[in-house]
Amino acid sequence: MNDRLVTVARFGDYMQAELARQLLDNEGITAFVMGQNVASVYGGVPAAVDVELQTPESQADRAREILESAKNQGAEDSEDEESEQDDLEESEDDFEEEDEDDFEEQE
């Protein structure tokens, strides 16, 4: 494979980039995380540097599609979790109101 590497995504930290690399690997796309060793150059102090995820140029478009799909799915999951949390909070409020009514009836 003589493809040159191209950057398909940038991340604020190594762990996010590594998770994306694993996702691509699971889909059969070779990917490399670049920039993960920058912090060690500064003695472990976090550096304000983008960590890049790179793939061979021939796989870049497919990699971007997979990452975008995962990002969209993550946003949907986040919205679902927020909705479930709202429902739970409403249920708790209803339960507390019922408890107050029961307490008042007992007095």
Protein backbone atom coordinates (compact mmCIF):
# COMPACT_ATOMS: atom_id res chain seq x y z
CA MET A 1 0.00 0.00 0.00
CA ASN A 2 1.69 3.17 -1.21
CA ASP A 3 -1.07 5.57 -0.18
CA ARG A 4 0.01 8.68 1.61
CA LEU A 5 -1.56 9.31 5.01
CA VAL A 6 -4.17 12.04 5.30
CA THR A 7 -5.82 13.51 8.38
CA VAL A 8 -9.49 12.51 8.63
CA ALA A 9 -10.19 13.99 12.09
CA ARG A 10 -8.67 16.03 14.89
CA PHE A 11 -9.30 15.53 18.59
CA GLY A 12 -8.58 17.47 21.74
CA ASP A 13 -7.18 14.45 23.54
CA TYR A 14 -5.56 11.14 22.84
CA MET A 15 -8.35 8.96 24.30
CA GLN A 16 -10.98 10.33 21.90
CA ALA A 17 -8.64 9.77 18.98
CA GLU A 18 -7.84 6.24 20.11
CA LEU A 19 -11.54 5.36 20.39
CA ALA A 20 -12.10 6.65 16.86
CA ARG A 21 -9.09 4.65 15.65
CA GLN A 22 -10.55 1.51 17.18
CA LEU A 23 -13.90 2.21 15.54
CA LEU A 24 -12.23 2.49 12.14
CA ASP A 25 -10.15 -0.61 12.81
CA ASN A 26 -13.37 -2.53 13.56
CA GLU A 27 -14.62 -1.43 10.13
CA GLY A 28 -11.45 -2.69 8.43
CA ILE A 29 -9.83 0.72 7.96
CA THR A 30 -6.21 1.20 8.89
CA ALA A 31 -5.80 4.31 11.03
CA PHE A 32 -3.02 5.96 12.98
CA VAL A 33 -3.13 8.40 15.89
CA MET A 34 -0.55 11.14 15.48
CA GLY A 35 0.53 13.56 18.19
CA GLN A 36 -0.14 11.36 21.21
CA ASN A 37 3.43 11.70 22.48
CA VAL A 38 3.50 15.51 22.57
CA ALA A 39 2.62 15.66 26.26
CA SER A 40 5.61 13.51 27.17
CA VAL A 41 7.90 16.04 25.47
CA TYR A 42 6.64 18.59 27.98
CA GLY A 43 7.19 16.32 30.96
CA GLY A 44 3.61 15.08 31.15
CA VAL A 45 2.11 18.55 31.16
CA PRO A 46 -0.94 18.56 28.89
CA ALA A 47 -0.17 20.44 25.71
CA ALA A 48 -2.72 22.37 23.69
CA VAL A 49 -2.19 20.30 20.57
CA ASP A 50 -4.60 18.58 18.24
CA VAL A 51 -4.24 14.83 18.09
CA GLU A 52 -4.76 13.75 14.50
CA LEU A 53 -6.34 10.58 13.21
CA GLN A 54 -4.87 9.60 9.86
CA THR A 55 -5.71 6.95 7.31
CA PRO A 56 -4.37 6.01 3.91
CA GLU A 57 -5.77 8.39 1.31
CA SER A 58 -7.68 5.59 -0.44
CA GLN A 59 -9.65 4.90 2.78
CA ALA A 60 -10.13 8.50 3.91
CA ASP A 61 -13.61 9.13 2.50
CA ARG A 62 -15.01 5.94 4.02
CA ALA A 63 -13.30 6.74 7.34
CA ARG A 64 -14.90 10.20 7.42
CA GLU A 65 -18.32 8.68 6.69
CA ILE A 66 -17.93 6.19 9.56
CA LEU A 67 -16.77 8.88 11.98
CA GLU A 68 -19.60 11.23 10.98
CA SER A 69 -22.13 8.44 11.39
CA ALA A 70 -20.76 7.62 14.84
CA LYS A 71 -20.83 11.30 15.79
CA ASN A 72 -24.47 11.61 14.69
CA GLN A 73 -25.38 8.41 16.54
CA GLY A 74 -23.67 9.76 19.66
CA ALA A 75 -25.69 12.97 19.43
CA GLU A 76 -28.92 10.98 19.09
CA ASP A 77 -27.97 8.80 22.06
CA SER A 78 -27.20 11.92 24.09
CA GLU A 79 -30.61 13.39 23.25
CA ASP A 80 -32.27 10.09 24.22
CA GLU A 81 -30.41 10.08 27.54
CA GLU A 82 -31.47 13.69 28.21
CA SER A 83 -35.07 12.81 27.43
CA GLU A 84 -34.92 9.76 29.72
CA GLN A 85 -33.41 11.94 32.47
CA ASP A 86 -36.18 14.51 32.03
CA ASP A 87 -38.81 11.74 32.24
CA LEU A 88 -37.16 10.37 35.37
CA GLU A 89 -37.12 13.82 37.00
CA GLU A 90 -40.79 14.34 36.13
CA SER A 91 -41.64 10.95 37.66
CA GLU A 92 -39.72 11.87 40.81
CA ASP A 93 -41.58 15.20 41.01
CA ASP A 94 -44.92 13.41 40.64
CA PHE A 95 -43.93 10.93 43.32
CA GLU A 96 -42.90 13.72 45.72
CA GLU A 97 -46.22 15.51 45.13
CA GLU A 98 -48.12 12.30 45.89
CA ASP A 99 -46.09 11.85 49.10
CA GLU A 100 -46.94 15.41 50.17
CA ASP A 101 -50.63 14.81 49.48
CA ASP A 102 -50.55 11.57 51.49
CA PHE A 103 -48.80 13.33 54.36
CA GLU A 104 -51.37 16.14 54.40
CA GLU A 105 -54.24 13.60 54.40
CA GLN A 106 -52.73 11.83 57.40
CA GLU A 107 -52.67 15.03 59.46
